[in-house]
Amino acid sequence: MSIWFGPGNIAELQAHGRDTLVNHLGIEFLELGPDFLRAPMPVDSRTHQPAGLLHGGASAALAETLASEASLLCLDRSRQRCVGLEINANNVHGAQSGFVIGIARAIHIGRSTHVWDVRITDERDKLVCVARMTMAILNLPTRLKGAQPARIIPDDKDAP
């Protein structure tokens, strides 16, 4: 059974990341399963630290990207939005080249928070980073049909 609110598709996710850090880092959404989202990221000059290894911040960016987009897919976007609340990432193995692949799976999908487990592996399926991301779920303000914006009426003492 799918955890997603609507059908969602890879092309929509790719378009959402255009002209952002997601695009700059070369993250491309690869697979949207019934309960997971998967995306690779290149390990190259864009994602290296000065020592030539994958930068931990790049791994955190991949994890946050996957968790954020996955949360968004769980919401009725006409009524709700999500924002990152907390991320924790543990780098357990280095990578120098090729690709790393992140997979986000929900740990908790509630009304006000979502918690995601993101595992990032190298091309040989060796664990590179494990991350947990908490998303805050925000309700958009409701607007009454035909309602006019509030007007400020000055007090009598402020009248000319």
C-alpha atoms as a PDB file:
ATOM      1  CA  MET A   1       0.000   0.000   0.000  1.00  0.00           C
ATOM      2  CA  SER A   2       1.340   3.438  -0.942  1.00  0.00           C
ATOM      3  CA  ILE A   3       2.036   6.116   1.670  1.00  0.00           C
ATOM      4  CA  TRP A   4       1.795   8.944  -0.884  1.00  0.00           C
ATOM      5  CA  PHE A   5      -1.144  11.380  -0.977  1.00  0.00           C
ATOM      6  CA  GLY A   6      -1.397  11.396  -4.759  1.00  0.00           C
ATOM      7  CA  PRO A   7       0.255   9.619  -7.642  1.00  0.00           C
ATOM      8  CA  GLY A   8       3.453  11.727  -7.731  1.00  0.00           C
ATOM      9  CA  ASN A   9       6.039  11.185 -10.435  1.00  0.00           C
ATOM     10  CA  ILE A  10       9.759  11.451 -10.984  1.00  0.00           C
ATOM     11  CA  ALA A  11       9.461  14.200 -13.614  1.00  0.00           C
ATOM     12  CA  GLU A  12       7.588  16.417 -11.140  1.00  0.00           C
ATOM     13  CA  LEU A  13      10.256  15.861  -8.493  1.00  0.00           C
ATOM     14  CA  GLN A  14      13.044  16.638 -10.962  1.00  0.00           C
ATOM     15  CA  ALA A  15      11.290  19.856 -12.031  1.00  0.00           C
ATOM     16  CA  HIS A  16      10.838  20.875  -8.383  1.00  0.00           C
ATOM     17  CA  GLY A  17      14.634  20.759  -7.877  1.00  0.00           C
ATOM     18  CA  ARG A  18      15.521  22.763 -10.982  1.00  0.00           C
ATOM     19  CA  ASP A  19      17.725  25.833 -10.318  1.00  0.00           C
ATOM     20  CA  THR A  20      18.322  24.799  -6.690  1.00  0.00           C
ATOM     21  CA  LEU A  21      21.029  23.081  -4.652  1.00  0.00           C
ATOM     22  CA  VAL A  22      19.456  19.787  -5.724  1.00  0.00           C
ATOM     23  CA  ASN A  23      20.300  20.504  -9.343  1.00  0.00           C
ATOM     24  CA  HIS A  24      23.736  21.932  -8.541  1.00  0.00           C
ATOM     25  CA  LEU A  25      24.745  18.778  -6.641  1.00  0.00           C
ATOM     26  CA  GLY A  26      23.556  16.561  -9.500  1.00  0.00           C
ATOM     27  CA  ILE A  27      20.829  14.819  -7.478  1.00  0.00           C
ATOM     28  CA  GLU A  28      18.389  13.063  -9.809  1.00  0.00           C
ATOM     29  CA  PHE A  29      15.336  11.271  -8.498  1.00  0.00           C
ATOM     30  CA  LEU A  30      15.461   7.694  -9.683  1.00  0.00           C
ATOM     31  CA  GLU A  31      12.618   5.714  -8.134  1.00  0.00           C
ATOM     32  CA  LEU A  32       9.390   6.362  -6.272  1.00  0.00           C
ATOM     33  CA  GLY A  33       8.288   3.123  -4.636  1.00  0.00           C
ATOM     34  CA  PRO A  34       5.142   2.530  -2.570  1.00  0.00           C
ATOM     35  CA  ASP A  35       6.957   3.577   0.640  1.00  0.00           C
ATOM     36  CA  PHE A  36      10.348   4.969  -0.403  1.00  0.00           C
ATOM     37  CA  LEU A  37      12.068   7.565  -2.560  1.00  0.00           C
ATOM     38  CA  ARG A  38      15.484   6.878  -4.094  1.00  0.00           C
ATOM     39  CA  ALA A  39      18.005   9.232  -5.712  1.00  0.00           C
ATOM     40  CA  PRO A  40      21.699   9.056  -6.628  1.00  0.00           C
ATOM     41  CA  MET A  41      24.198  11.881  -6.246  1.00  0.00           C
ATOM     42  CA  PRO A  42      27.594  12.033  -7.974  1.00  0.00           C
ATOM     43  CA  VAL A  43      30.772  12.016  -5.913  1.00  0.00           C
ATOM     44  CA  ASP A  44      32.845  14.575  -7.806  1.00  0.00           C
ATOM     45  CA  SER A  45      34.217  18.111  -7.448  1.00  0.00           C
ATOM     46  CA  ARG A  46      30.724  19.448  -6.590  1.00  0.00           C
ATOM     47  CA  THR A  47      30.387  17.132  -3.597  1.00  0.00           C
ATOM     48  CA  HIS A  48      34.017  16.662  -2.470  1.00  0.00           C
ATOM     49  CA  GLN A  49      35.633  18.107   0.621  1.00  0.00           C
ATOM     50  CA  PRO A  50      39.196  19.475   0.135  1.00  0.00           C
ATOM     51  CA  ALA A  51      40.696  16.046   0.979  1.00  0.00           C
ATOM     52  CA  GLY A  52      38.965  14.537  -2.078  1.00  0.00           C
ATOM     53  CA  LEU A  53      36.286  12.584  -0.178  1.00  0.00           C
ATOM     54  CA  LEU A  54      32.537  13.002  -0.216  1.00  0.00           C
ATOM     55  CA  HIS A  55      31.692  15.998   1.956  1.00  0.00           C
ATOM     56  CA  GLY A  56      29.442  15.182   4.918  1.00  0.00           C
ATOM     57  CA  GLY A  57      27.397  18.280   4.119  1.00  0.00           C
ATOM     58  CA  ALA A  58      26.678  16.908   0.651  1.00  0.00           C
ATOM     59  CA  SER A  59      25.406  13.675   2.220  1.00  0.00           C
ATOM     60  CA  ALA A  60      23.233  15.732   4.582  1.00  0.00           C
ATOM     61  CA  ALA A  61      21.912  17.715   1.607  1.00  0.00           C
ATOM     62  CA  LEU A  62      20.992  14.475  -0.197  1.00  0.00           C
ATOM     63  CA  ALA A  63      19.271  13.171   2.941  1.00  0.00           C
ATOM     64  CA  GLU A  64      17.330  16.398   3.480  1.00  0.00           C
ATOM     65  CA  THR A  65      16.340  16.535  -0.179  1.00  0.00           C
ATOM     66  CA  LEU A  66      14.957  13.002  -0.107  1.00  0.00           C
ATOM     67  CA  ALA A  67      13.118  13.464   3.204  1.00  0.00           C
ATOM     68  CA  SER A  68      11.682  16.849   2.203  1.00  0.00           C
ATOM     69  CA  GLU A  69      10.402  15.682  -1.152  1.00  0.00           C
ATOM     70  CA  ALA A  70       9.048  12.453   0.352  1.00  0.00           C
ATOM     71  CA  SER A  71       7.158  14.427   3.019  1.00  0.00           C
ATOM     72  CA  LEU A  72       5.757  16.728   0.379  1.00  0.00           C
ATOM     73  CA  LEU A  73       4.447  13.688  -1.514  1.00  0.00           C
ATOM     74  CA  CYS A  74       2.541  12.615   1.625  1.00  0.00           C
ATOM     75  CA  LEU A  75       0.629  15.900   1.860  1.00  0.00           C
ATOM     76  CA  ASP A  76      -2.379  17.520   0.256  1.00  0.00           C
ATOM     77  CA  ARG A  77      -0.362  20.474  -1.037  1.00  0.00           C
ATOM     78  CA  SER A  78      -3.471  22.617  -1.371  1.00  0.00           C
ATOM     79  CA  ARG A  79      -3.761  22.462   2.457  1.00  0.00           C
ATOM     80  CA  GLN A  80      -0.291  21.795   3.858  1.00  0.00           C
ATOM     81  CA  ARG A  81       3.425  22.444   3.461  1.00  0.00           C
ATOM     82  CA  CYS A  82       6.451  20.933   5.170  1.00  0.00           C
ATOM     83  CA  VAL A  83       9.721  22.370   6.406  1.00  0.00           C
ATOM     84  CA  GLY A  84      12.814  20.767   7.866  1.00  0.00           C
ATOM     85  CA  LEU A  85      12.892  20.772  11.644  1.00  0.00           C
ATOM     86  CA  GLU A  86      15.977  18.673  12.451  1.00  0.00           C
ATOM     87  CA  ILE A  87      18.529  16.511  10.691  1.00  0.00           C
ATOM     88  CA  ASN A  88      21.125  14.148  12.109  1.00  0.00           C
ATOM     89  CA  ALA A  89      23.657  12.472   9.853  1.00  0.00           C
ATOM     90  CA  ASN A  90      26.365   9.972  10.711  1.00  0.00           C
ATOM     91  CA  ASN A  91      29.085   9.453   8.117  1.00  0.00           C
ATOM     92  CA  VAL A  92      30.284   5.875   8.514  1.00  0.00           C
ATOM     93  CA  HIS A  93      32.342   5.274   5.365  1.00  0.00           C
ATOM     94  CA  GLY A  94      34.091   7.507   2.832  1.00  0.00           C
ATOM     95  CA  ALA A  95      33.513   7.719  -0.903  1.00  0.00           C
ATOM     96  CA  GLN A  96      35.926   9.246  -3.429  1.00  0.00           C
ATOM     97  CA  SER A  97      34.242   8.861  -6.802  1.00  0.00           C
ATOM     98  CA  GLY A  98      31.259   7.422  -8.627  1.00  0.00           C
ATOM     99  CA  PHE A  99      27.822   7.805  -7.100  1.00  0.00           C
ATOM    100  CA  VAL A 100      26.132   7.450  -3.757  1.00  0.00           C
ATOM    101  CA  ILE A 101      22.478   6.415  -3.619  1.00  0.00           C
ATOM    102  CA  GLY A 102      20.075   7.640  -0.956  1.00  0.00           C
ATOM    103  CA  ILE A 103      16.831   5.912   0.009  1.00  0.00           C
ATOM    104  CA  ALA A 104      14.301   7.625   2.287  1.00  0.00           C
ATOM    105  CA  ARG A 105      11.718   5.588   4.217  1.00  0.00           C
ATOM    106  CA  ALA A 106       9.180   6.911   6.684  1.00  0.00           C
ATOM    107  CA  ILE A 107       9.591   6.085  10.363  1.00  0.00           C
ATOM    108  CA  HIS A 108       6.581   8.201  11.391  1.00  0.00           C
ATOM    109  CA  ILE A 109       3.935  10.061   9.423  1.00  0.00           C
ATOM    110  CA  GLY A 110       1.822  12.131  11.794  1.00  0.00           C
ATOM    111  CA  ARG A 111      -0.392  15.203  11.574  1.00  0.00           C
ATOM    112  CA  SER A 112       2.274  17.668  12.695  1.00  0.00           C
ATOM    113  CA  THR A 113       5.577  15.851  12.053  1.00  0.00           C
ATOM    114  CA  HIS A 114       7.117  13.300   9.736  1.00  0.00           C
ATOM    115  CA  VAL A 115      10.314  11.426  10.610  1.00  0.00           C
ATOM    116  CA  TRP A 116      12.412   9.851   7.841  1.00  0.00           C
ATOM    117  CA  ASP A 117      15.269   7.361   7.848  1.00  0.00           C
ATOM    118  CA  VAL A 118      17.684   7.985   4.975  1.00  0.00           C
ATOM    119  CA  ARG A 119      20.396   5.464   4.155  1.00  0.00           C
ATOM    120  CA  ILE A 120      23.107   6.472   1.710  1.00  0.00           C
ATOM    121  CA  THR A 121      25.231   3.733   0.163  1.00  0.00           C
ATOM    122  CA  ASP A 122      27.983   3.611  -2.429  1.00  0.00           C
ATOM    123  CA  GLU A 123      27.752   1.749  -5.727  1.00  0.00           C
ATOM    124  CA  ARG A 124      28.798  -1.489  -4.003  1.00  0.00           C
ATOM    125  CA  ASP A 125      25.929  -1.078  -1.505  1.00  0.00           C
ATOM    126  CA  LYS A 126      28.317  -0.218   1.352  1.00  0.00           C
ATOM    127  CA  LEU A 127      26.753   2.139   3.915  1.00  0.00           C
ATOM    128  CA  VAL A 128      28.251   5.645   3.623  1.00  0.00           C
ATOM    129  CA  CYS A 129      25.846   7.695   5.759  1.00  0.00           C
ATOM    130  CA  VAL A 130      22.767   7.121   7.864  1.00  0.00           C
ATOM    131  CA  ALA A 131      20.520  10.118   8.547  1.00  0.00           C
ATOM    132  CA  ARG A 132      17.284  10.904  10.319  1.00  0.00           C
ATOM    133  CA  MET A 133      15.218  13.900   9.274  1.00  0.00           C
ATOM    134  CA  THR A 134      12.248  15.401  11.107  1.00  0.00           C
ATOM    135  CA  MET A 135       9.835  17.513   9.102  1.00  0.00           C
ATOM    136  CA  ALA A 136       7.327  19.978  10.555  1.00  0.00           C
ATOM    137  CA  ILE A 137       3.932  19.855   8.838  1.00  0.00           C
ATOM    138  CA  LEU A 138       2.329  23.289   8.490  1.00  0.00           C
ATOM    139  CA  ASN A 139      -1.309  23.925   7.688  1.00  0.00           C
ATOM    140  CA  LEU A 140      -1.880  26.687   5.170  1.00  0.00           C
ATOM    141  CA  PRO A 141      -4.248  29.446   6.271  1.00  0.00           C
ATOM    142  CA  THR A 142      -7.814  28.918   5.115  1.00  0.00           C
ATOM    143  CA  ARG A 143      -9.483  31.742   3.251  1.00  0.00           C
ATOM    144  CA  LEU A 144     -13.208  32.274   3.143  1.00  0.00           C
ATOM    145  CA  LYS A 145     -14.651  32.555  -0.344  1.00  0.00           C
ATOM    146  CA  GLY A 146     -15.405  36.179  -1.170  1.00  0.00           C
ATOM    147  CA  ALA A 147     -13.858  37.473   2.054  1.00  0.00           C
ATOM    148  CA  GLN A 148     -12.299  40.908   1.912  1.00  0.00           C
ATOM    149  CA  PRO A 149      -8.962  41.678   3.573  1.00  0.00           C
ATOM    150  CA  ALA A 150      -9.286  43.282   6.995  1.00  0.00           C
ATOM    151  CA  ARG A 151      -9.219  47.090   7.097  1.00  0.00           C
ATOM    152  CA  ILE A 152      -7.653  49.084   9.852  1.00  0.00           C
ATOM    153  CA  ILE A 153     -10.103  51.669  11.177  1.00  0.00           C
ATOM    154  CA  PRO A 154      -8.417  54.463  13.119  1.00  0.00           C
ATOM    155  CA  ASP A 155      -9.564  55.377  16.650  1.00  0.00           C
ATOM    156  CA  ASP A 156     -11.488  58.634  16.990  1.00  0.00           C
ATOM    157  CA  LYS A 157      -8.474  60.194  18.698  1.00  0.00           C
ATOM    158  CA  ASP A 158      -6.412  59.560  15.566  1.00  0.00           C
ATOM    159  CA  ALA A 159      -8.995  61.112  13.239  1.00  0.00           C
ATOM    160  CA  PRO A 160      -8.087  64.504  11.691  1.00  0.00           C
END
